[in-house]
Each structure stands twice: as C-alpha cells, then as structure tokens.
C-alpha cells in the first residue's frame, strides 16, 4: 500500500502554497503608496502582468537591468508594459501596448550566471 503524499492526492486535498509569503501588512502599506507621475518602463516579452499578481521575471536587456537596479534602490516601483512583438530587441513606445501595470519589485535576485531576476 502506497503512503499518501503530494503526488497521490486528489485536487481537493491539495493545499494552496504561495510562492512568496504574503504579509497582509504590506497590502495596507500599498494603499498609501504614492505613484510618481513618471516611471521607468520595463517591456515584457510574451507576458502580461495583471494587478495583484506576483510574477518572477528574468531581466536580460542592459537598459532593463539598469532601470530595475535604479528603482530597487528607491521606491521599487516600475511601469510594466507588454511588447506587441517579442522579437524586437530595442522596443520603441509604438512597439508596446498602451495599457500596463504599475509594479512593485518585491525582490531582486542576482543569479549565479550573472543574470537578474525580479519578483514583481
């Protein structure tokens, strides 16, 4: 007889396990957050960020890494817009969707391979 473990549970028995522990006090602090009139923009390829979603993003472009590092030292807020065409390496404003999301960088992780990953 097999022991019950997470691989043999039905969907009804599976517990929700968040990737990042969410502190409810953070939500209260975010209500008082002042969004600046001008934000750096982080273009995303093949991804759309919706409000309230926690998402890990690998940042690869030099301009994007600089923007992420700069805002992480300050208020941690960045504008996130989806690219219309993921193949464009240096997107212009016309290459981006006109509606995006203001994101807060929760964590910035320098990867061993030299890359940068952020949790927004």
C-alpha atoms as a PDB file:
ATOM      1  CA  UNK A   1       0.000   0.000   0.000  1.00  0.00           C
ATOM      2  CA  UNK A   2       1.368   3.399  -1.003  1.00  0.00           C
ATOM      3  CA  UNK A   3       1.755   6.155   1.505  1.00  0.00           C
ATOM      4  CA  UNK A   4      -0.318   9.229   0.798  1.00  0.00           C
ATOM      5  CA  UNK A   5       1.877  12.073  -0.339  1.00  0.00           C
ATOM      6  CA  UNK A   6       1.511  15.120  -2.515  1.00  0.00           C
ATOM      7  CA  UNK A   7       1.887  13.101  -5.705  1.00  0.00           C
ATOM      8  CA  UNK A   8      -1.115  10.893  -4.973  1.00  0.00           C
ATOM      9  CA  UNK A   9      -3.519  13.467  -3.561  1.00  0.00           C
ATOM     10  CA  UNK A  10      -6.631  14.445  -5.406  1.00  0.00           C
ATOM     11  CA  UNK A  11      -7.053  18.090  -6.371  1.00  0.00           C
ATOM     12  CA  UNK A  12      -9.482  18.579  -3.493  1.00  0.00           C
ATOM     13  CA  UNK A  13      -6.819  17.528  -0.975  1.00  0.00           C
ATOM     14  CA  UNK A  14      -4.090  19.779  -2.357  1.00  0.00           C
ATOM     15  CA  UNK A  15      -3.278  22.825  -0.248  1.00  0.00           C
ATOM     16  CA  UNK A  16      -2.534  26.173  -1.847  1.00  0.00           C
ATOM     17  CA  UNK A  17       1.089  27.078  -1.277  1.00  0.00           C
ATOM     18  CA  UNK A  18       2.094  30.623  -2.309  1.00  0.00           C
ATOM     19  CA  UNK A  19       5.478  31.136  -3.933  1.00  0.00           C
ATOM     20  CA  UNK A  20       6.126  34.133  -1.716  1.00  0.00           C
ATOM     21  CA  UNK A  21       4.614  34.507   1.724  1.00  0.00           C
ATOM     22  CA  UNK A  22       2.254  37.440   1.513  1.00  0.00           C
ATOM     23  CA  UNK A  23       2.209  39.730   4.503  1.00  0.00           C
ATOM     24  CA  UNK A  24      -1.176  41.399   4.902  1.00  0.00           C
ATOM     25  CA  UNK A  25       0.514  44.470   6.391  1.00  0.00           C
ATOM     26  CA  UNK A  26       2.173  45.050   3.011  1.00  0.00           C
ATOM     27  CA  UNK A  27      -1.248  45.471   1.419  1.00  0.00           C
ATOM     28  CA  UNK A  28      -2.078  48.212   3.926  1.00  0.00           C
ATOM     29  CA  UNK A  29       1.199  49.995   3.135  1.00  0.00           C
ATOM     30  CA  UNK A  30       0.485  49.770  -0.604  1.00  0.00           C
ATOM     31  CA  UNK A  31      -2.843  51.591  -0.143  1.00  0.00           C
ATOM     32  CA  UNK A  32      -0.893  54.670   0.998  1.00  0.00           C
ATOM     33  CA  UNK A  33       1.616  54.337  -1.839  1.00  0.00           C
ATOM     34  CA  UNK A  34       2.097  57.430  -3.986  1.00  0.00           C
ATOM     35  CA  UNK A  35       2.685  56.578  -7.637  1.00  0.00           C
ATOM     36  CA  UNK A  36       5.010  59.081  -9.312  1.00  0.00           C
ATOM     37  CA  UNK A  37       3.912  60.875 -12.484  1.00  0.00           C
ATOM     38  CA  UNK A  38       6.925  59.438 -14.343  1.00  0.00           C
ATOM     39  CA  UNK A  39       8.027  55.805 -14.047  1.00  0.00           C
ATOM     40  CA  UNK A  40      10.732  53.793 -15.800  1.00  0.00           C
ATOM     41  CA  UNK A  41       9.180  51.250 -18.165  1.00  0.00           C
ATOM     42  CA  UNK A  42      10.009  47.544 -18.231  1.00  0.00           C
ATOM     43  CA  UNK A  43       8.909  45.947 -21.529  1.00  0.00           C
ATOM     44  CA  UNK A  44       7.888  42.294 -21.187  1.00  0.00           C
ATOM     45  CA  UNK A  45       8.070  39.725 -23.967  1.00  0.00           C
ATOM     46  CA  UNK A  46       5.264  37.154 -24.179  1.00  0.00           C
ATOM     47  CA  UNK A  47       3.946  38.171 -20.750  1.00  0.00           C
ATOM     48  CA  UNK A  48       1.176  40.391 -19.437  1.00  0.00           C
ATOM     49  CA  UNK A  49       1.263  41.445 -15.797  1.00  0.00           C
ATOM     50  CA  UNK A  50      -2.140  41.906 -14.181  1.00  0.00           C
ATOM     51  CA  UNK A  51      -2.691  43.870 -10.957  1.00  0.00           C
ATOM     52  CA  UNK A  52      -2.407  41.772  -7.804  1.00  0.00           C
ATOM     53  CA  UNK A  53      -0.374  39.010  -9.464  1.00  0.00           C
ATOM     54  CA  UNK A  54       3.071  38.020  -8.150  1.00  0.00           C
ATOM     55  CA  UNK A  55       5.350  37.174 -11.058  1.00  0.00           C
ATOM     56  CA  UNK A  56       9.035  36.269 -11.411  1.00  0.00           C
ATOM     57  CA  UNK A  57      10.669  37.977 -14.390  1.00  0.00           C
ATOM     58  CA  UNK A  58      14.125  37.335 -15.814  1.00  0.00           C
ATOM     59  CA  UNK A  59      15.548  40.680 -16.873  1.00  0.00           C
ATOM     60  CA  UNK A  60      18.035  40.448 -19.730  1.00  0.00           C
ATOM     61  CA  UNK A  61      18.391  43.750 -21.573  1.00  0.00           C
ATOM     62  CA  UNK A  62      21.061  46.133 -20.258  1.00  0.00           C
ATOM     63  CA  UNK A  63      18.588  49.070 -20.184  1.00  0.00           C
ATOM     64  CA  UNK A  64      16.066  46.992 -18.260  1.00  0.00           C
ATOM     65  CA  UNK A  65      18.668  45.772 -15.749  1.00  0.00           C
ATOM     66  CA  UNK A  66      19.752  49.376 -15.127  1.00  0.00           C
ATOM     67  CA  UNK A  67      16.128  50.509 -14.671  1.00  0.00           C
ATOM     68  CA  UNK A  68      15.389  47.645 -12.275  1.00  0.00           C
ATOM     69  CA  UNK A  69      18.530  48.290 -10.220  1.00  0.00           C
ATOM     70  CA  UNK A  70      17.796  52.034 -10.042  1.00  0.00           C
ATOM     71  CA  UNK A  71      14.187  51.700  -8.881  1.00  0.00           C
ATOM     72  CA  UNK A  72      15.058  48.919  -6.426  1.00  0.00           C
ATOM     73  CA  UNK A  73      17.284  51.410  -4.570  1.00  0.00           C
ATOM     74  CA  UNK A  74      14.406  53.913  -4.349  1.00  0.00           C
ATOM     75  CA  UNK A  75      10.655  53.261  -4.171  1.00  0.00           C
ATOM     76  CA  UNK A  76      10.770  49.902  -6.045  1.00  0.00           C
ATOM     77  CA  UNK A  77       8.009  51.000  -8.470  1.00  0.00           C
ATOM     78  CA  UNK A  78       8.250  50.372 -12.208  1.00  0.00           C
ATOM     79  CA  UNK A  79       5.802  50.526 -15.107  1.00  0.00           C
ATOM     80  CA  UNK A  80       5.354  47.195 -16.879  1.00  0.00           C
ATOM     81  CA  UNK A  81       4.084  47.008 -20.457  1.00  0.00           C
ATOM     82  CA  UNK A  82       3.765  44.031 -22.779  1.00  0.00           C
ATOM     83  CA  UNK A  83       5.603  44.157 -26.104  1.00  0.00           C
ATOM     84  CA  UNK A  84       3.453  43.733 -29.200  1.00  0.00           C
ATOM     85  CA  UNK A  85       6.237  41.767 -30.930  1.00  0.00           C
ATOM     86  CA  UNK A  86       8.587  39.689 -28.761  1.00  0.00           C
ATOM     87  CA  UNK A  87      11.250  39.644 -31.490  1.00  0.00           C
ATOM     88  CA  UNK A  88      12.029  43.366 -31.176  1.00  0.00           C
ATOM     89  CA  UNK A  89      15.193  43.788 -29.120  1.00  0.00           C
ATOM     90  CA  UNK A  90      15.012  47.585 -28.601  1.00  0.00           C
ATOM     91  CA  UNK A  91      11.278  48.378 -28.413  1.00  0.00           C
ATOM     92  CA  UNK A  92      10.100  51.938 -29.086  1.00  0.00           C
ATOM     93  CA  UNK A  93       6.943  53.278 -27.415  1.00  0.00           C
ATOM     94  CA  UNK A  94       4.926  52.276 -30.507  1.00  0.00           C
ATOM     95  CA  UNK A  95       6.113  48.649 -30.010  1.00  0.00           C
ATOM     96  CA  UNK A  96       4.487  48.467 -26.564  1.00  0.00           C
ATOM     97  CA  UNK A  97       0.873  48.042 -25.524  1.00  0.00           C
ATOM     98  CA  UNK A  98      -0.650  51.345 -24.423  1.00  0.00           C
ATOM     99  CA  UNK A  99      -2.002  49.970 -21.127  1.00  0.00           C
ATOM    100  CA  UNK A 100       0.187  48.397 -18.481  1.00  0.00           C
ATOM    101  CA  UNK A 101       0.561  47.865 -14.760  1.00  0.00           C
ATOM    102  CA  UNK A 102       2.485  49.694 -12.064  1.00  0.00           C
ATOM    103  CA  UNK A 103       4.538  47.011 -10.356  1.00  0.00           C
ATOM    104  CA  UNK A 104       6.438  46.937  -7.095  1.00  0.00           C
ATOM    105  CA  UNK A 105       9.696  44.982  -7.100  1.00  0.00           C
ATOM    106  CA  UNK A 106       9.373  42.716  -4.085  1.00  0.00           C
ATOM    107  CA  UNK A 107      12.738  41.020  -4.544  1.00  0.00           C
ATOM    108  CA  UNK A 108      15.760  41.464  -6.802  1.00  0.00           C
ATOM    109  CA  UNK A 109      17.907  38.354  -7.223  1.00  0.00           C
ATOM    110  CA  UNK A 110      21.346  38.313  -8.836  1.00  0.00           C
ATOM    111  CA  UNK A 111      21.654  34.858 -10.391  1.00  0.00           C
ATOM    112  CA  UNK A 112      24.917  32.840 -10.315  1.00  0.00           C
ATOM    113  CA  UNK A 113      25.124  33.023 -14.115  1.00  0.00           C
ATOM    114  CA  UNK A 114      25.192  36.847 -13.944  1.00  0.00           C
ATOM    115  CA  UNK A 115      21.521  37.306 -14.842  1.00  0.00           C
ATOM    116  CA  UNK A 116      18.969  39.284 -12.895  1.00  0.00           C
ATOM    117  CA  UNK A 117      15.558  38.024 -11.790  1.00  0.00           C
ATOM    118  CA  UNK A 118      12.938  40.151 -10.096  1.00  0.00           C
ATOM    119  CA  UNK A 119       9.769  39.222  -8.268  1.00  0.00           C
ATOM    120  CA  UNK A 120       7.101  41.837  -9.030  1.00  0.00           C
END
